[in-house]
Amino acid sequence: MIDNISDISIFSDIPKDELQKITPLLKERRFKKNHVLMFENDQSDEVYLIRSGMIKIYRMYEGKEVVLSITSAGDIIGEVEALSSDNHRISSIEALEDVNVWLLSKRDFLQLVDQYPSILRNAYKILVERTRMLNRMIRYLTFHDVRGKVVNLIMDLYYNYGVASDNAYKIDLKINQSLFANMLGVTRESISKTLGEFQAEGLIDIRDKYLYLLDKEMIESICNETEELPAMRKWHNI
């Protein structure tokens, strides 16, 4: 749980004594797992600062869900719409687990942007990161078969949520096959088959919905690391 606003990425460069002026502007909200915080095209003038939990950002296309990204504690959602004259939400967001957030009104956010230029710089950095992530996902979808798509997403998740655990690397994010499929634009059956193959080959294991990398070096070799530098897999670099 994030208790200090300085741990929210977009405010990380603001002096601590100045942050005390921001705290009274925040409203705390809690959302249960699977709750949709907002839908695509909804009108809203609030920015979400994630204190705890994980959220998926997605859009619907021809009745199918396309997951654009996963965000977690320290991230911000809605800053793009706040900086725009159009208040319609670009995408939907849903809690993957119980979530605690701070809400900041668009008016207060824009006043802070005027007062602290570092907020706008960090917002730009976040936008660049998200653009890079989407470009990488497009490359996966365009140039890789299902096996290549899955293994690259596994490495992305490792570099963002991986922790050492008993001679393996645990991806500290409960991710089901449907979420995997919707992030890669493939069927759940294809995901099930591919993950089963990786388990049979001794590359991964799945326990209690957590994915473990048993042979990280082999997985990296399948990814063809000349194509994607490890540092570029990080989603949160501020």
Protein backbone atom coordinates (compact mmCIF):
# COMPACT_ATOMS: atom_id res chain seq x y z
CA MET A 1 0.00 0.00 0.00
CA ILE A 2 1.37 3.41 -0.99
CA ASP A 3 0.94 5.96 1.78
CA ASN A 4 3.13 8.78 0.43
CA ILE A 5 2.15 10.67 -2.69
CA SER A 6 5.87 10.94 -3.55
CA ASP A 7 5.67 7.23 -4.46
CA ILE A 8 3.21 8.02 -7.27
CA SER A 9 5.43 8.15 -10.35
CA ILE A 10 4.12 11.39 -11.83
CA PHE A 11 4.74 13.32 -8.58
CA SER A 12 8.15 11.80 -7.81
CA ASP A 13 10.15 14.98 -8.54
CA ILE A 14 8.11 17.37 -6.39
CA PRO A 15 9.82 18.46 -3.13
CA LYS A 16 8.38 16.68 -0.10
CA ASP A 17 7.36 19.89 1.65
CA GLU A 18 5.34 20.85 -1.43
CA LEU A 19 3.62 17.45 -1.55
CA GLN A 20 1.85 18.29 1.70
CA LYS A 21 -0.18 20.85 -0.25
CA ILE A 22 -1.42 18.15 -2.65
CA THR A 23 -2.65 15.64 -0.05
CA PRO A 24 -5.83 17.60 0.89
CA LEU A 25 -6.89 17.50 -2.78
CA LEU A 26 -7.06 13.69 -2.84
CA LYS A 27 -10.09 11.49 -2.25
CA GLU A 28 -9.57 7.85 -1.30
CA ARG A 29 -11.67 5.16 -2.97
CA ARG A 30 -11.69 1.36 -2.79
CA PHE A 31 -12.89 -1.01 -5.50
CA LYS A 32 -13.46 -4.76 -5.34
CA LYS A 33 -11.89 -7.27 -7.71
CA ASN A 34 -13.60 -7.33 -11.15
CA HIS A 35 -15.18 -3.91 -10.61
CA VAL A 36 -15.06 -1.75 -13.76
CA LEU A 37 -13.89 1.67 -12.61
CA MET A 38 -14.75 3.28 -15.93
CA PHE A 39 -15.87 2.28 -19.40
CA GLU A 40 -14.48 3.39 -22.73
CA ASN A 41 -16.18 6.61 -23.91
CA ASP A 42 -17.49 7.44 -20.43
CA GLN A 43 -17.21 11.10 -19.54
CA SER A 44 -15.11 11.74 -16.46
CA ASP A 45 -12.87 14.50 -15.13
CA GLU A 46 -10.90 12.55 -12.52
CA VAL A 47 -7.37 11.18 -12.44
CA TYR A 48 -6.74 7.86 -10.65
CA LEU A 49 -3.58 7.40 -8.56
CA ILE A 50 -3.11 3.72 -7.70
CA ARG A 51 -2.17 3.03 -4.08
CA SER A 52 -2.53 -0.77 -4.11
CA GLY A 53 -3.77 -3.56 -6.34
CA MET A 54 -3.58 -4.14 -10.08
CA ILE A 55 -5.76 -2.78 -12.86
CA LYS A 56 -6.12 -3.81 -16.48
CA ILE A 57 -6.64 -1.23 -19.20
CA TYR A 58 -8.58 -2.54 -22.18
CA ARG A 59 -10.76 -1.74 -25.16
CA MET A 60 -13.52 -3.69 -26.86
CA TYR A 61 -13.33 -4.41 -30.58
CA GLU A 62 -16.07 -6.32 -32.38
CA GLY A 63 -17.16 -7.82 -29.07
CA LYS A 64 -13.65 -8.94 -28.12
CA GLU A 65 -11.59 -7.59 -25.25
CA VAL A 66 -8.13 -6.29 -26.11
CA VAL A 67 -5.93 -5.70 -23.05
CA LEU A 68 -3.60 -2.76 -23.61
CA SER A 69 -1.67 -2.85 -20.34
CA ILE A 70 -1.62 -3.74 -16.66
CA THR A 71 -0.97 -1.05 -14.07
CA SER A 72 -0.15 -1.31 -10.39
CA ALA A 73 0.72 0.70 -7.28
CA GLY A 74 2.47 3.97 -8.11
CA ASP A 75 0.87 4.32 -11.54
CA ILE A 76 -1.55 6.97 -12.74
CA ILE A 77 -4.59 6.55 -14.98
CA GLY A 78 -6.50 9.31 -16.72
CA GLU A 79 -3.77 11.91 -17.07
CA VAL A 80 -4.07 11.87 -20.87
CA GLU A 81 -7.77 12.69 -20.75
CA ALA A 82 -7.11 15.34 -18.08
CA LEU A 83 -4.63 17.07 -20.38
CA SER A 84 -7.09 16.92 -23.27
CA SER A 85 -10.13 19.08 -23.99
CA ASP A 86 -12.13 15.87 -24.54
CA ASN A 87 -13.27 14.21 -21.29
CA HIS A 88 -14.30 10.93 -22.95
CA ARG A 89 -12.30 7.96 -21.65
CA ILE A 90 -9.98 6.37 -24.19
CA SER A 91 -10.29 2.90 -22.66
CA SER A 92 -11.98 0.89 -19.92
CA ILE A 93 -10.27 -0.03 -16.66
CA GLU A 94 -11.09 -2.98 -14.40
CA ALA A 95 -9.69 -4.11 -11.06
CA LEU A 96 -7.79 -7.41 -11.33
CA GLU A 97 -7.81 -7.57 -7.53
CA ASP A 98 -9.05 -5.35 -4.71
CA VAL A 99 -7.80 -1.84 -5.48
CA ASN A 100 -7.21 1.30 -3.43
CA VAL A 101 -6.82 4.60 -5.27
CA TRP A 102 -6.65 8.32 -4.74
CA LEU A 103 -8.88 10.45 -6.97
CA LEU A 104 -7.75 13.89 -8.13
CA SER A 105 -10.07 16.20 -10.05
CA LYS A 106 -9.08 17.39 -13.52
CA ARG A 107 -9.20 21.01 -12.35
CA ASP A 108 -6.81 20.36 -9.46
CA PHE A 109 -4.54 18.23 -11.67
CA LEU A 110 -4.22 20.99 -14.28
CA GLN A 111 -3.48 23.56 -11.58
CA LEU A 112 -0.70 21.30 -10.29
CA VAL A 113 0.68 20.91 -13.82
CA ASP A 114 0.90 24.71 -14.10
CA GLN A 115 2.57 24.95 -10.71
CA TYR A 116 5.00 22.02 -11.08
CA PRO A 117 6.41 21.53 -14.63
CA SER A 118 7.96 18.20 -13.56
CA ILE A 119 4.45 16.68 -13.58
CA LEU A 120 4.11 17.39 -17.30
CA ARG A 121 7.61 16.02 -17.96
CA ASN A 122 6.77 12.82 -16.11
CA ALA A 123 3.43 12.56 -17.91
CA TYR A 124 5.33 12.75 -21.19
CA LYS A 125 7.71 10.00 -20.02
CA ILE A 126 4.75 7.80 -19.10
CA LEU A 127 3.18 8.39 -22.51
CA VAL A 128 6.44 7.46 -24.24
CA GLU A 129 6.68 4.25 -22.18
CA ARG A 130 3.12 3.28 -23.06
CA THR A 131 3.75 3.99 -26.74
CA ARG A 132 6.86 1.81 -26.69
CA MET A 133 4.93 -0.95 -24.96
CA LEU A 134 2.14 -0.82 -27.55
CA ASN A 135 4.67 -0.82 -30.41
CA ARG A 136 6.32 -3.88 -28.89
CA MET A 137 2.99 -5.64 -28.54
CA ILE A 138 2.17 -4.83 -32.18
CA ARG A 139 5.44 -6.44 -33.21
CA TYR A 140 4.61 -9.55 -31.21
CA LEU A 141 1.19 -9.76 -32.82
CA THR A 142 2.52 -9.15 -36.33
CA PHE A 143 5.76 -11.09 -36.55
CA HIS A 144 5.56 -13.94 -34.02
CA ASP A 145 3.64 -17.19 -33.91
CA VAL A 146 1.69 -18.06 -30.75
CA ARG A 147 4.75 -19.57 -29.09
CA GLY A 148 6.77 -16.42 -29.77
CA LYS A 149 3.98 -14.17 -28.55
CA VAL A 150 3.54 -16.08 -25.30
CA VAL A 151 7.22 -16.35 -24.46
CA ASN A 152 7.80 -12.64 -25.09
CA LEU A 153 4.87 -11.69 -22.88
CA ILE A 154 6.23 -14.00 -20.17
CA MET A 155 9.54 -12.12 -20.29
CA ASP A 156 7.77 -8.76 -20.20
CA LEU A 157 5.89 -9.89 -17.10
CA TYR A 158 9.12 -11.19 -15.56
CA TYR A 159 10.92 -7.86 -15.99
CA ASN A 160 8.00 -6.02 -14.39
CA TYR A 161 6.70 -8.44 -11.75
CA GLY A 162 9.42 -11.08 -11.38
CA VAL A 163 10.85 -12.04 -7.98
CA ALA A 164 13.30 -14.78 -7.00
CA SER A 165 11.58 -17.81 -5.44
CA ASP A 166 13.11 -21.21 -4.55
CA ASN A 167 15.41 -21.82 -7.55
CA ALA A 168 12.90 -20.18 -9.88
CA TYR A 169 11.55 -16.76 -10.76
CA LYS A 170 7.97 -16.04 -9.76
CA ILE A 171 5.83 -13.59 -11.70
CA ASP A 172 4.07 -11.91 -8.78
CA LEU A 173 0.82 -11.38 -10.65
CA LYS A 174 -2.10 -13.76 -10.82
CA ILE A 175 -2.80 -14.04 -14.53
CA ASN A 176 -5.31 -16.45 -16.00
CA GLN A 177 -5.38 -17.84 -19.52
CA SER A 178 -8.14 -15.48 -20.63
CA LEU A 179 -6.09 -12.43 -19.64
CA PHE A 180 -3.06 -13.90 -21.43
CA ALA A 181 -5.18 -14.45 -24.55
CA ASN A 182 -6.66 -10.95 -24.48
CA MET A 183 -3.22 -9.37 -24.16
CA LEU A 184 -1.97 -11.25 -27.22
CA GLY A 185 -5.03 -11.41 -29.43
CA VAL A 186 -5.15 -15.21 -29.56
CA THR A 187 -7.62 -17.81 -28.33
CA ARG A 188 -7.59 -19.15 -24.78
CA GLU A 189 -7.20 -22.65 -26.23
CA SER A 190 -3.96 -21.58 -27.96
CA ILE A 191 -2.66 -20.13 -24.70
CA SER A 192 -3.53 -23.32 -22.80
CA LYS A 193 -1.76 -25.48 -25.38
CA THR A 194 1.37 -23.30 -25.47
CA LEU A 195 1.69 -22.97 -21.69
CA GLY A 196 1.23 -26.75 -21.44
CA GLU A 197 4.09 -27.24 -23.91
CA PHE A 198 6.34 -24.90 -21.92
CA GLN A 199 5.54 -26.83 -18.74
CA ALA A 200 6.30 -30.16 -20.44
CA GLU A 201 9.65 -28.73 -21.62
CA GLY A 202 10.54 -27.71 -18.07
CA LEU A 203 10.58 -23.99 -18.88
CA ILE A 204 7.78 -22.86 -16.58
CA ASP A 205 5.45 -24.05 -13.86
CA ILE A 206 2.06 -22.72 -12.79
CA ARG A 207 1.00 -22.91 -9.14
CA ASP A 208 -2.07 -21.25 -7.65
CA LYS A 209 -2.40 -19.05 -10.78
CA TYR A 210 1.18 -17.78 -10.38
CA LEU A 211 3.64 -18.45 -13.20
CA TYR A 212 7.20 -19.55 -12.35
CA LEU A 213 10.18 -19.41 -14.73
CA LEU A 214 12.20 -22.58 -14.21
CA ASP A 215 14.72 -22.00 -17.03
CA LYS A 216 14.99 -18.26 -17.58
CA GLU A 217 18.03 -18.53 -19.85
CA MET A 218 16.28 -20.89 -22.25
CA ILE A 219 13.19 -18.70 -22.29
CA GLU A 220 15.35 -15.67 -23.13
CA SER A 221 16.98 -17.57 -25.97
CA ILE A 222 13.57 -18.40 -27.43
CA CYS A 223 12.67 -14.71 -27.26
CA ASN A 224 15.70 -13.81 -29.39
CA GLU A 225 17.03 -11.06 -27.16
CA THR A 226 18.79 -9.34 -30.08
CA GLU A 227 15.29 -8.21 -31.01
CA GLU A 228 14.30 -6.78 -27.63
CA LEU A 229 16.73 -5.37 -25.06
CA PRO A 230 15.81 -6.31 -21.47
CA ALA A 231 15.67 -2.65 -20.43
CA MET A 232 13.02 -1.99 -23.07
CA ARG A 233 10.72 -4.55 -21.45
CA LYS A 234 10.30 -2.40 -18.35
CA TRP A 235 6.91 -0.73 -18.19
CA HIS A 236 7.73 1.60 -15.30
CA ASN A 237 10.99 3.53 -15.67
CA ILE A 238 10.29 6.85 -13.97
